[in-house]
Amino acid sequence: MHILFIKQKNVITSRSHLPFLLIGENHILDDPLSRYSELCGKLPEGRDAEYLYDQIKTTAEDNIKILDNLRSNLFIIPLRLLVQSKADDIVFQESEQLFLGLFNGIDSIDDYFIKCDSIDNIIQYARDDTEKIVMFSENDNKELPFKERFHNSIADAEFMIDPAKSDAYNFFSMVFGNILQAISILACCMEYGCIPYIRYPVSFHYLNIISNSVLEGSEVNILRFKMSVAFIFHKLCDKSQLSSIGTSEFLIKKQSYGFNDKLFKNFDLQKIADGEEIDISITQKINEELECFYKYISNER
């Protein structure tokens, strides 16, 4: 199983590489450095540009640490950039259509900005289920009114949001940006046969919804299932347990133990590929297999 890490923060110092390396067989880090550099050249001076400058510096430093510490165990490749260079227009058009699908009576992005300025305009044209589909942030509380959720997300946002601009602009920036990322990740994974390793709940939310609504077939069923397993696995995995031994020793032990095979033997992948429901708790099986691995590395010390 090729597993693709979607980079969102420092990998080595956050120890996020350890659970990532434990699940899957071949590991690829989707390097965003080229994309960050490209965006930096397009942004005017200000908070967003400064944020991206910091991200470029952090990413470059992190890549060097990965090369020093992990070498052939983790490959750094800008996969999404390769896909976008071949199908950028298609990815963008699909993302536009999915965004417009959140509304009634809006035919294009230009039409959206003509008809919508405030959050009240957005609510006026939104489909009945748009409030359920949209996720603004990790802390988005869907029990609150949609308008309140939107304003809370603006107040909490650290970058790529401009309170001085219209609600329509900021809504588009948040929602379209997440849709575009999800489509890009799916296109990349389908092209190169990877499973996305997603840590951020908002990214996982849009990937899950979009993969369910626009794709079908056994390959997609397996991708969606393994993506879900990887997301739950990351939340449950105790990184302090994995980092109780050195990285070199960890890599040796995970190879000899065969964690990935042991985990996925719990699930009937053929039934999943055929779209059948499974009656096994993913969370329970992950916890059971993790406890066995913790004991394994503890007893081996």
C-alpha atoms as a PDB file:
ATOM      1  CA  MET A   1       0.000   0.000   0.000  1.00  0.00           C
ATOM      2  CA  HIS A   2       1.468   3.334  -1.092  1.00  0.00           C
ATOM      3  CA  ILE A   3       0.497   5.952   1.475  1.00  0.00           C
ATOM      4  CA  LEU A   4       0.671   9.686   0.815  1.00  0.00           C
ATOM      5  CA  PHE A   5       1.298  12.146   3.643  1.00  0.00           C
ATOM      6  CA  ILE A   6      -0.400  15.514   3.084  1.00  0.00           C
ATOM      7  CA  LYS A   7       1.925  17.953   4.827  1.00  0.00           C
ATOM      8  CA  GLN A   8       0.281  20.549   7.056  1.00  0.00           C
ATOM      9  CA  LYS A   9       2.873  21.225   9.734  1.00  0.00           C
ATOM     10  CA  ASN A  10       6.383  20.279  10.827  1.00  0.00           C
ATOM     11  CA  VAL A  11       6.641  16.506  10.494  1.00  0.00           C
ATOM     12  CA  ILE A  12       9.783  15.580  12.451  1.00  0.00           C
ATOM     13  CA  THR A  13       9.412  17.765  15.526  1.00  0.00           C
ATOM     14  CA  SER A  14       5.711  16.882  15.864  1.00  0.00           C
ATOM     15  CA  ARG A  15       6.661  13.175  15.598  1.00  0.00           C
ATOM     16  CA  SER A  16       3.865  12.738  13.059  1.00  0.00           C
ATOM     17  CA  HIS A  17       6.178  10.647  10.889  1.00  0.00           C
ATOM     18  CA  LEU A  18       6.142   7.727  13.361  1.00  0.00           C
ATOM     19  CA  PRO A  19       2.464   6.664  13.084  1.00  0.00           C
ATOM     20  CA  PHE A  20       2.629   7.507   9.379  1.00  0.00           C
ATOM     21  CA  LEU A  21       5.536   5.091   8.867  1.00  0.00           C
ATOM     22  CA  LEU A  22       3.820   2.386  10.933  1.00  0.00           C
ATOM     23  CA  ILE A  23       0.829   2.081   8.608  1.00  0.00           C
ATOM     24  CA  GLY A  24       1.282   1.341   4.907  1.00  0.00           C
ATOM     25  CA  GLU A  25       4.291  -0.018   3.036  1.00  0.00           C
ATOM     26  CA  ASN A  26       5.733   2.689   0.769  1.00  0.00           C
ATOM     27  CA  HIS A  27       5.628   6.209   2.182  1.00  0.00           C
ATOM     28  CA  ILE A  28       5.555   9.446   0.205  1.00  0.00           C
ATOM     29  CA  LEU A  29       5.565  12.982   1.567  1.00  0.00           C
ATOM     30  CA  ASP A  30       3.691  15.334  -0.757  1.00  0.00           C
ATOM     31  CA  ASP A  31       6.133  18.234  -0.804  1.00  0.00           C
ATOM     32  CA  PRO A  32       4.304  21.604  -0.899  1.00  0.00           C
ATOM     33  CA  LEU A  33       7.492  23.688  -1.233  1.00  0.00           C
ATOM     34  CA  SER A  34       7.079  24.414  -4.958  1.00  0.00           C
ATOM     35  CA  ARG A  35       3.411  25.330  -4.512  1.00  0.00           C
ATOM     36  CA  TYR A  36       4.190  27.633  -1.567  1.00  0.00           C
ATOM     37  CA  SER A  37       6.900  29.349  -3.589  1.00  0.00           C
ATOM     38  CA  GLU A  38       4.547  29.807  -6.538  1.00  0.00           C
ATOM     39  CA  LEU A  39       1.819  31.297  -4.330  1.00  0.00           C
ATOM     40  CA  CYS A  40       4.286  33.628  -2.614  1.00  0.00           C
ATOM     41  CA  GLY A  41       5.098  35.227  -5.923  1.00  0.00           C
ATOM     42  CA  LYS A  42       1.420  36.017  -6.487  1.00  0.00           C
ATOM     43  CA  LEU A  43       0.511  37.386  -3.056  1.00  0.00           C
ATOM     44  CA  PRO A  44       0.859  41.072  -2.146  1.00  0.00           C
ATOM     45  CA  GLU A  45       2.929  41.948   0.900  1.00  0.00           C
ATOM     46  CA  GLY A  46       1.012  41.366   4.127  1.00  0.00           C
ATOM     47  CA  ARG A  47       0.055  38.752   6.700  1.00  0.00           C
ATOM     48  CA  ASP A  48      -0.691  35.988   4.209  1.00  0.00           C
ATOM     49  CA  ALA A  49       2.606  36.466   2.370  1.00  0.00           C
ATOM     50  CA  GLU A  50       4.518  36.480   5.666  1.00  0.00           C
ATOM     51  CA  TYR A  51       2.776  33.282   6.710  1.00  0.00           C
ATOM     52  CA  LEU A  52       3.798  31.582   3.460  1.00  0.00           C
ATOM     53  CA  TYR A  53       7.391  32.810   3.818  1.00  0.00           C
ATOM     54  CA  ASP A  54       7.491  31.162   7.238  1.00  0.00           C
ATOM     55  CA  GLN A  55       5.968  27.982   5.790  1.00  0.00           C
ATOM     56  CA  ILE A  56       8.622  27.846   3.052  1.00  0.00           C
ATOM     57  CA  LYS A  57      11.397  28.164   5.631  1.00  0.00           C
ATOM     58  CA  THR A  58       9.846  25.551   7.939  1.00  0.00           C
ATOM     59  CA  THR A  59       9.183  23.127   5.081  1.00  0.00           C
ATOM     60  CA  ALA A  60      12.726  23.402   3.729  1.00  0.00           C
ATOM     61  CA  GLU A  61      14.184  22.790   7.198  1.00  0.00           C
ATOM     62  CA  ASP A  62      11.833  19.868   7.751  1.00  0.00           C
ATOM     63  CA  ASN A  63      12.744  18.290   4.412  1.00  0.00           C
ATOM     64  CA  ILE A  64      16.423  18.378   5.364  1.00  0.00           C
ATOM     65  CA  LYS A  65      15.649  16.684   8.694  1.00  0.00           C
ATOM     66  CA  ILE A  66      13.625  13.998   6.911  1.00  0.00           C
ATOM     67  CA  LEU A  67      16.490  13.317   4.501  1.00  0.00           C
ATOM     68  CA  ASP A  68      18.941  13.134   7.403  1.00  0.00           C
ATOM     69  CA  ASN A  69      16.805  10.905   9.620  1.00  0.00           C
ATOM     70  CA  LEU A  70      14.659   8.757   7.355  1.00  0.00           C
ATOM     71  CA  ARG A  71      16.491   8.516   4.020  1.00  0.00           C
ATOM     72  CA  SER A  72      14.986   5.726   1.921  1.00  0.00           C
ATOM     73  CA  ASN A  73      12.066   5.164   4.335  1.00  0.00           C
ATOM     74  CA  LEU A  74      10.208   8.298   3.236  1.00  0.00           C
ATOM     75  CA  PHE A  75      10.268   9.812  -0.241  1.00  0.00           C
ATOM     76  CA  ILE A  76       9.703  13.549  -0.728  1.00  0.00           C
ATOM     77  CA  ILE A  77       7.881  14.108  -4.036  1.00  0.00           C
ATOM     78  CA  PRO A  78       5.559  16.995  -5.072  1.00  0.00           C
ATOM     79  CA  LEU A  79       2.904  14.570  -6.359  1.00  0.00           C
ATOM     80  CA  ARG A  80      -0.028  16.963  -6.312  1.00  0.00           C
ATOM     81  CA  LEU A  81       1.991  19.520  -8.236  1.00  0.00           C
ATOM     82  CA  LEU A  82       2.743  16.878 -10.896  1.00  0.00           C
ATOM     83  CA  VAL A  83      -0.971  16.099 -11.236  1.00  0.00           C
ATOM     84  CA  GLN A  84      -1.944  19.762 -11.348  1.00  0.00           C
ATOM     85  CA  SER A  85       0.651  20.483 -14.027  1.00  0.00           C
ATOM     86  CA  LYS A  86      -1.081  17.874 -16.232  1.00  0.00           C
ATOM     87  CA  ALA A  87      -4.708  18.512 -15.296  1.00  0.00           C
ATOM     88  CA  ASP A  88      -4.828  21.881 -13.542  1.00  0.00           C
ATOM     89  CA  ASP A  89      -7.752  23.174 -15.614  1.00  0.00           C
ATOM     90  CA  ILE A  90      -9.807  20.015 -15.039  1.00  0.00           C
ATOM     91  CA  VAL A  91      -9.175  20.040 -11.278  1.00  0.00           C
ATOM     92  CA  PHE A  92     -10.112  23.725 -11.087  1.00  0.00           C
ATOM     93  CA  GLN A  93     -13.271  23.296 -13.191  1.00  0.00           C
ATOM     94  CA  GLU A  94     -14.435  20.311 -11.124  1.00  0.00           C
ATOM     95  CA  SER A  95     -13.850  22.316  -7.945  1.00  0.00           C
ATOM     96  CA  GLU A  96     -15.851  25.243  -9.324  1.00  0.00           C
ATOM     97  CA  GLN A  97     -18.778  22.966 -10.183  1.00  0.00           C
ATOM     98  CA  LEU A  98     -18.804  21.422  -6.717  1.00  0.00           C
ATOM     99  CA  PHE A  99     -18.731  24.865  -5.112  1.00  0.00           C
ATOM    100  CA  LEU A 100     -21.585  26.112  -7.300  1.00  0.00           C
ATOM    101  CA  GLY A 101     -23.498  22.942  -6.427  1.00  0.00           C
ATOM    102  CA  LEU A 102     -23.884  24.320  -2.899  1.00  0.00           C
ATOM    103  CA  PHE A 103     -26.326  26.937  -4.245  1.00  0.00           C
ATOM    104  CA  ASN A 104     -29.600  27.303  -6.092  1.00  0.00           C
ATOM    105  CA  GLY A 105     -29.864  29.935  -8.816  1.00  0.00           C
ATOM    106  CA  ILE A 106     -26.139  30.645  -9.129  1.00  0.00           C
ATOM    107  CA  ASP A 107     -24.643  29.666 -12.478  1.00  0.00           C
ATOM    108  CA  SER A 108     -20.987  30.707 -12.260  1.00  0.00           C
ATOM    109  CA  ILE A 109     -18.360  32.098  -9.912  1.00  0.00           C
ATOM    110  CA  ASP A 110     -18.938  35.563 -11.388  1.00  0.00           C
ATOM    111  CA  ASP A 111     -22.672  35.122 -10.779  1.00  0.00           C
ATOM    112  CA  TYR A 112     -21.894  34.127  -7.166  1.00  0.00           C
ATOM    113  CA  PHE A 113     -20.016  37.362  -6.521  1.00  0.00           C
ATOM    114  CA  ILE A 114     -22.721  39.427  -8.251  1.00  0.00           C
ATOM    115  CA  LYS A 115     -25.543  37.937  -6.179  1.00  0.00           C
ATOM    116  CA  CYS A 116     -23.707  37.393  -2.891  1.00  0.00           C
ATOM    117  CA  ASP A 117     -21.994  39.929  -0.702  1.00  0.00           C
ATOM    118  CA  SER A 118     -23.079  39.200   2.869  1.00  0.00           C
ATOM    119  CA  ILE A 119     -23.534  35.899   4.680  1.00  0.00           C
ATOM    120  CA  ASP A 120     -27.281  36.581   4.500  1.00  0.00           C
ATOM    121  CA  ASN A 121     -27.054  36.529   0.679  1.00  0.00           C
ATOM    122  CA  ILE A 122     -25.124  33.248   0.858  1.00  0.00           C
ATOM    123  CA  ILE A 123     -27.785  31.706   3.100  1.00  0.00           C
ATOM    124  CA  GLN A 124     -30.520  33.001   0.769  1.00  0.00           C
ATOM    125  CA  TYR A 125     -29.095  31.113  -2.235  1.00  0.00           C
ATOM    126  CA  ALA A 126     -27.704  28.100  -0.366  1.00  0.00           C
ATOM    127  CA  ARG A 127     -29.227  24.667  -0.842  1.00  0.00           C
ATOM    128  CA  ASP A 128     -31.106  23.214   2.120  1.00  0.00           C
ATOM    129  CA  ASP A 129     -28.259  20.801   2.896  1.00  0.00           C
ATOM    130  CA  THR A 130     -25.383  23.255   2.424  1.00  0.00           C
ATOM    131  CA  GLU A 131     -25.156  23.927   6.160  1.00  0.00           C
ATOM    132  CA  LYS A 132     -24.484  20.217   6.716  1.00  0.00           C
ATOM    133  CA  ILE A 133     -21.990  19.916   3.853  1.00  0.00           C
ATOM    134  CA  VAL A 134     -19.836  22.932   4.695  1.00  0.00           C
ATOM    135  CA  MET A 135     -17.215  22.642   7.445  1.00  0.00           C
ATOM    136  CA  PHE A 136     -15.390  25.884   8.222  1.00  0.00           C
ATOM    137  CA  SER A 137     -12.796  24.744  10.753  1.00  0.00           C
ATOM    138  CA  GLU A 138     -11.765  22.006  13.129  1.00  0.00           C
ATOM    139  CA  ASN A 139     -13.811  23.725  15.858  1.00  0.00           C
ATOM    140  CA  ASP A 140     -16.894  24.309  13.700  1.00  0.00           C
ATOM    141  CA  ASN A 141     -19.978  23.593  15.825  1.00  0.00           C
ATOM    142  CA  LYS A 142     -22.772  22.489  13.500  1.00  0.00           C
ATOM    143  CA  GLU A 143     -25.360  22.848  16.242  1.00  0.00           C
ATOM    144  CA  LEU A 144     -24.994  26.629  15.981  1.00  0.00           C
ATOM    145  CA  PRO A 145     -26.787  28.714  13.328  1.00  0.00           C
ATOM    146  CA  PHE A 146     -24.900  28.824  10.021  1.00  0.00           C
ATOM    147  CA  LYS A 147     -24.383  32.578  10.239  1.00  0.00           C
ATOM    148  CA  GLU A 148     -22.845  32.296  13.696  1.00  0.00           C
ATOM    149  CA  ARG A 149     -20.596  29.436  12.568  1.00  0.00           C
ATOM    150  CA  PHE A 150     -19.317  31.561   9.700  1.00  0.00           C
ATOM    151  CA  HIS A 151     -18.558  34.585  11.878  1.00  0.00           C
ATOM    152  CA  ASN A 152     -16.809  32.374  14.454  1.00  0.00           C
ATOM    153  CA  SER A 153     -14.596  30.918  11.735  1.00  0.00           C
ATOM    154  CA  ILE A 154     -13.637  34.397  10.523  1.00  0.00           C
ATOM    155  CA  ALA A 155     -12.708  35.429  14.058  1.00  0.00           C
ATOM    156  CA  ASP A 156     -10.599  32.294  14.596  1.00  0.00           C
ATOM    157  CA  ALA A 157      -8.854  32.207  11.204  1.00  0.00           C
ATOM    158  CA  GLU A 158      -5.120  32.898  11.246  1.00  0.00           C
ATOM    159  CA  PHE A 159      -4.468  33.407   7.546  1.00  0.00           C
ATOM    160  CA  MET A 160      -5.989  33.551   4.027  1.00  0.00           C
ATOM    161  CA  ILE A 161      -8.988  35.450   5.435  1.00  0.00           C
ATOM    162  CA  ASP A 162      -9.452  39.206   5.173  1.00  0.00           C
ATOM    163  CA  PRO A 163     -12.004  40.668   7.632  1.00  0.00           C
ATOM    164  CA  ALA A 164     -11.978  43.864   5.572  1.00  0.00           C
ATOM    165  CA  LYS A 165     -13.384  42.025   2.546  1.00  0.00           C
ATOM    166  CA  SER A 166     -16.913  40.789   1.929  1.00  0.00           C
ATOM    167  CA  ASP A 167     -18.443  37.703   3.501  1.00  0.00           C
ATOM    168  CA  ALA A 168     -18.751  36.259  -0.003  1.00  0.00           C
ATOM    169  CA  TYR A 169     -14.993  36.606  -0.565  1.00  0.00           C
ATOM    170  CA  ASN A 170     -14.092  34.950   2.732  1.00  0.00           C
ATOM    171  CA  PHE A 171     -16.677  32.190   2.336  1.00  0.00           C
ATOM    172  CA  PHE A 172     -15.283  31.433  -1.115  1.00  0.00           C
ATOM    173  CA  SER A 173     -11.698  31.436   0.185  1.00  0.00           C
ATOM    174  CA  MET A 174     -12.493  28.954   2.950  1.00  0.00           C
ATOM    175  CA  VAL A 175     -14.878  26.599   1.182  1.00  0.00           C
ATOM    176  CA  PHE A 176     -13.538  26.627  -2.375  1.00  0.00           C
ATOM    177  CA  GLY A 177      -9.988  26.245  -1.057  1.00  0.00           C
ATOM    178  CA  ASN A 178     -10.930  23.060   0.793  1.00  0.00           C
ATOM    179  CA  ILE A 179     -12.838  21.667  -2.188  1.00  0.00           C
ATOM    180  CA  LEU A 180      -9.903  22.371  -4.507  1.00  0.00           C
ATOM    181  CA  GLN A 181      -7.502  20.652  -2.101  1.00  0.00           C
ATOM    182  CA  ALA A 182      -9.763  17.600  -1.838  1.00  0.00           C
ATOM    183  CA  ILE A 183     -10.155  17.246  -5.612  1.00  0.00           C
ATOM    184  CA  SER A 184      -6.399  17.658  -6.039  1.00  0.00           C
ATOM    185  CA  ILE A 185      -5.653  14.961  -3.449  1.00  0.00           C
ATOM    186  CA  LEU A 186      -8.174  12.541  -4.975  1.00  0.00           C
ATOM    187  CA  ALA A 187      -6.815  13.108  -8.488  1.00  0.00           C
ATOM    188  CA  CYS A 188      -3.287  12.519  -7.209  1.00  0.00           C
ATOM    189  CA  CYS A 189      -4.193   9.331  -5.348  1.00  0.00           C
ATOM    190  CA  MET A 190      -6.165   7.887  -8.254  1.00  0.00           C
ATOM    191  CA  GLU A 191      -3.347   8.696 -10.685  1.00  0.00           C
ATOM    192  CA  TYR A 192      -0.527   7.196  -8.590  1.00  0.00           C
ATOM    193  CA  GLY A 193      -2.376   4.535  -6.584  1.00  0.00           C
ATOM    194  CA  CYS A 194      -1.863   6.159  -3.175  1.00  0.00           C
ATOM    195  CA  ILE A 195      -3.911   6.261   0.014  1.00  0.00           C
ATOM    196  CA  PRO A 196      -4.068   9.769   1.538  1.00  0.00           C
ATOM    197  CA  TYR A 197      -2.914  10.031   5.149  1.00  0.00           C
ATOM    198  CA  ILE A 198      -5.017  12.946   6.425  1.00  0.00           C
ATOM    199  CA  ARG A 199      -4.637  14.412   9.915  1.00  0.00           C
ATOM    200  CA  TYR A 200      -6.735  17.586   9.659  1.00  0.00           C
ATOM    201  CA  PRO A 201     -10.500  16.968  10.203  1.00  0.00           C
ATOM    202  CA  VAL A 202     -11.601  19.631   7.706  1.00  0.00           C
ATOM    203  CA  SER A 203      -9.529  18.088   4.905  1.00  0.00           C
ATOM    204  CA  PHE A 204     -10.850  14.633   5.780  1.00  0.00           C
ATOM    205  CA  HIS A 205     -14.444  15.921   5.835  1.00  0.00           C
ATOM    206  CA  TYR A 206     -14.273  17.320   2.285  1.00  0.00           C
ATOM    207  CA  LEU A 207     -12.361  14.313   0.946  1.00  0.00           C
ATOM    208  CA  ASN A 208     -14.953  11.961   2.380  1.00  0.00           C
ATOM    209  CA  ILE A 209     -17.958  13.900   1.074  1.00  0.00           C
ATOM    210  CA  ILE A 210     -16.509  14.472  -2.399  1.00  0.00           C
ATOM    211  CA  SER A 211     -15.259  10.907  -2.856  1.00  0.00           C
ATOM    212  CA  ASN A 212     -18.732   9.657  -1.910  1.00  0.00           C
ATOM    213  CA  SER A 213     -20.569  12.013  -4.242  1.00  0.00           C
ATOM    214  CA  VAL A 214     -18.488  12.107  -7.429  1.00  0.00           C
ATOM    215  CA  LEU A 215     -16.612   8.781  -7.532  1.00  0.00           C
ATOM    216  CA  GLU A 216     -17.682   5.152  -7.463  1.00  0.00           C
ATOM    217  CA  GLY A 217     -16.228   1.684  -7.993  1.00  0.00           C
ATOM    218  CA  SER A 218     -14.206  -0.899  -6.093  1.00  0.00           C
ATOM    219  CA  GLU A 219     -10.965   1.098  -6.283  1.00  0.00           C
ATOM    220  CA  VAL A 220     -12.626   4.160  -4.753  1.00  0.00           C
ATOM    221  CA  ASN A 221     -14.320   2.049  -2.061  1.00  0.00           C
ATOM    222  CA  ILE A 222     -10.930   0.695  -0.984  1.00  0.00           C
ATOM    223  CA  LEU A 223      -9.314   4.139  -1.097  1.00  0.00           C
ATOM    224  CA  ARG A 224     -12.088   5.654   1.015  1.00  0.00           C
ATOM    225  CA  PHE A 225     -11.926   2.817   3.551  1.00  0.00           C
ATOM    226  CA  LYS A 226      -8.141   2.864   3.931  1.00  0.00           C
ATOM    227  CA  MET A 227      -8.181   6.665   4.110  1.00  0.00           C
ATOM    228  CA  SER A 228     -10.679   6.415   6.983  1.00  0.00           C
ATOM    229  CA  VAL A 229      -8.567   3.791   8.740  1.00  0.00           C
ATOM    230  CA  ALA A 230      -5.476   6.011   8.404  1.00  0.00           C
ATOM    231  CA  PHE A 231      -7.361   9.058   9.761  1.00  0.00           C
ATOM    232  CA  ILE A 232      -8.699   7.162  12.792  1.00  0.00           C
ATOM    233  CA  PHE A 233      -5.317   5.488  13.276  1.00  0.00           C
ATOM    234  CA  HIS A 234      -3.561   8.857  13.502  1.00  0.00           C
ATOM    235  CA  LYS A 235      -6.015  10.055  16.153  1.00  0.00           C
ATOM    236  CA  LEU A 236      -5.630   6.910  18.263  1.00  0.00           C
ATOM    237  CA  CYS A 237      -1.899   6.332  17.942  1.00  0.00           C
ATOM    238  CA  ASP A 238       0.163   7.305  21.005  1.00  0.00           C
ATOM    239  CA  LYS A 239       3.254   8.948  19.529  1.00  0.00           C
ATOM    240  CA  SER A 240       5.012   8.949  22.901  1.00  0.00           C
ATOM    241  CA  GLN A 241       4.873   5.138  22.893  1.00  0.00           C
ATOM    242  CA  LEU A 242       6.402   4.986  19.425  1.00  0.00           C
ATOM    243  CA  SER A 243       9.115   7.518  20.261  1.00  0.00           C
ATOM    244  CA  SER A 244      10.201   5.580  23.366  1.00  0.00           C
ATOM    245  CA  ILE A 245      12.827   4.015  21.101  1.00  0.00           C
ATOM    246  CA  GLY A 246      15.120   5.645  18.555  1.00  0.00           C
ATOM    247  CA  THR A 247      14.014   6.151  14.963  1.00  0.00           C
ATOM    248  CA  SER A 248      16.420   3.539  13.545  1.00  0.00           C
ATOM    249  CA  GLU A 249      15.263   0.943  16.054  1.00  0.00           C
ATOM    250  CA  PHE A 250      11.629   1.843  15.418  1.00  0.00           C
ATOM    251  CA  LEU A 251      12.063   1.288  11.680  1.00  0.00           C
ATOM    252  CA  ILE A 252      13.648  -2.129  12.259  1.00  0.00           C
ATOM    253  CA  LYS A 253      10.934  -3.240  14.675  1.00  0.00           C
ATOM    254  CA  LYS A 254       8.013  -2.051  12.551  1.00  0.00           C
ATOM    255  CA  GLN A 255       9.488  -3.945   9.593  1.00  0.00           C
ATOM    256  CA  SER A 256       9.907  -7.189  11.534  1.00  0.00           C
ATOM    257  CA  TYR A 257       6.493  -6.903  13.209  1.00  0.00           C
ATOM    258  CA  GLY A 258       4.450  -6.304  10.043  1.00  0.00           C
ATOM    259  CA  PHE A 259       1.898  -3.982  11.649  1.00  0.00           C
ATOM    260  CA  ASN A 260       0.171  -2.998   8.406  1.00  0.00           C
ATOM    261  CA  ASP A 261      -0.553  -6.616   7.412  1.00  0.00           C
ATOM    262  CA  LYS A 262      -1.790  -7.487  10.899  1.00  0.00           C
ATOM    263  CA  LEU A 263      -4.140  -4.492  10.963  1.00  0.00           C
ATOM    264  CA  PHE A 264      -5.768  -4.996   7.559  1.00  0.00           C
ATOM    265  CA  LYS A 265      -6.166  -8.763   8.036  1.00  0.00           C
ATOM    266  CA  ASN A 266      -8.989  -7.803  10.415  1.00  0.00           C
ATOM    267  CA  PHE A 267     -11.093  -6.535   7.506  1.00  0.00           C
ATOM    268  CA  ASP A 268     -12.642  -8.266   4.491  1.00  0.00           C
ATOM    269  CA  LEU A 269     -11.310  -5.966   1.773  1.00  0.00           C
ATOM    270  CA  GLN A 270     -13.208  -7.778  -0.970  1.00  0.00           C
ATOM    271  CA  LYS A 271     -16.534  -6.988   0.698  1.00  0.00           C
ATOM    272  CA  ILE A 272     -15.416  -3.397   1.166  1.00  0.00           C
ATOM    273  CA  ALA A 273     -14.413  -3.187  -2.509  1.00  0.00           C
ATOM    274  CA  ASP A 274     -17.869  -4.473  -3.434  1.00  0.00           C
ATOM    275  CA  GLY A 275     -19.465  -1.705  -1.366  1.00  0.00           C
ATOM    276  CA  GLU A 276     -20.769  -3.950   1.407  1.00  0.00           C
ATOM    277  CA  GLU A 277     -21.075  -2.776   5.009  1.00  0.00           C
ATOM    278  CA  ILE A 278     -18.639  -4.183   7.558  1.00  0.00           C
ATOM    279  CA  ASP A 279     -19.763  -5.155  11.057  1.00  0.00           C
ATOM    280  CA  ILE A 280     -16.353  -4.695  12.701  1.00  0.00           C
ATOM    281  CA  SER A 281     -15.402  -1.622  14.728  1.00  0.00           C
ATOM    282  CA  ILE A 282     -12.438   0.065  13.031  1.00  0.00           C
ATOM    283  CA  THR A 283     -11.578   1.938  16.230  1.00  0.00           C
ATOM    284  CA  GLN A 284     -11.602  -1.234  18.309  1.00  0.00           C
ATOM    285  CA  LYS A 285      -9.372  -3.158  15.899  1.00  0.00           C
ATOM    286  CA  ILE A 286      -6.882  -0.289  15.608  1.00  0.00           C
ATOM    287  CA  ASN A 287      -6.658   0.012  19.398  1.00  0.00           C
ATOM    288  CA  GLU A 288      -6.159  -3.746  19.768  1.00  0.00           C
ATOM    289  CA  GLU A 289      -3.387  -3.849  17.180  1.00  0.00           C
ATOM    290  CA  LEU A 290      -1.695  -0.748  18.609  1.00  0.00           C
ATOM    291  CA  GLU A 291      -1.667  -2.229  22.122  1.00  0.00           C
ATOM    292  CA  CYS A 292      -0.014  -5.369  20.748  1.00  0.00           C
ATOM    293  CA  PHE A 293       2.634  -3.272  18.979  1.00  0.00           C
ATOM    294  CA  TYR A 294       3.297  -1.136  22.077  1.00  0.00           C
ATOM    295  CA  LYS A 295       3.886  -4.345  24.057  1.00  0.00           C
ATOM    296  CA  TYR A 296       6.109  -5.689  21.294  1.00  0.00           C
ATOM    297  CA  ILE A 297       8.490  -2.703  21.290  1.00  0.00           C
ATOM    298  CA  SER A 298       8.380  -2.529  25.092  1.00  0.00           C
ATOM    299  CA  ASN A 299       9.269  -6.197  25.568  1.00  0.00           C
ATOM    300  CA  GLU A 300      12.003  -5.992  22.962  1.00  0.00           C
ATOM    301  CA  ARG A 301      13.821  -3.163  24.734  1.00  0.00           C
END
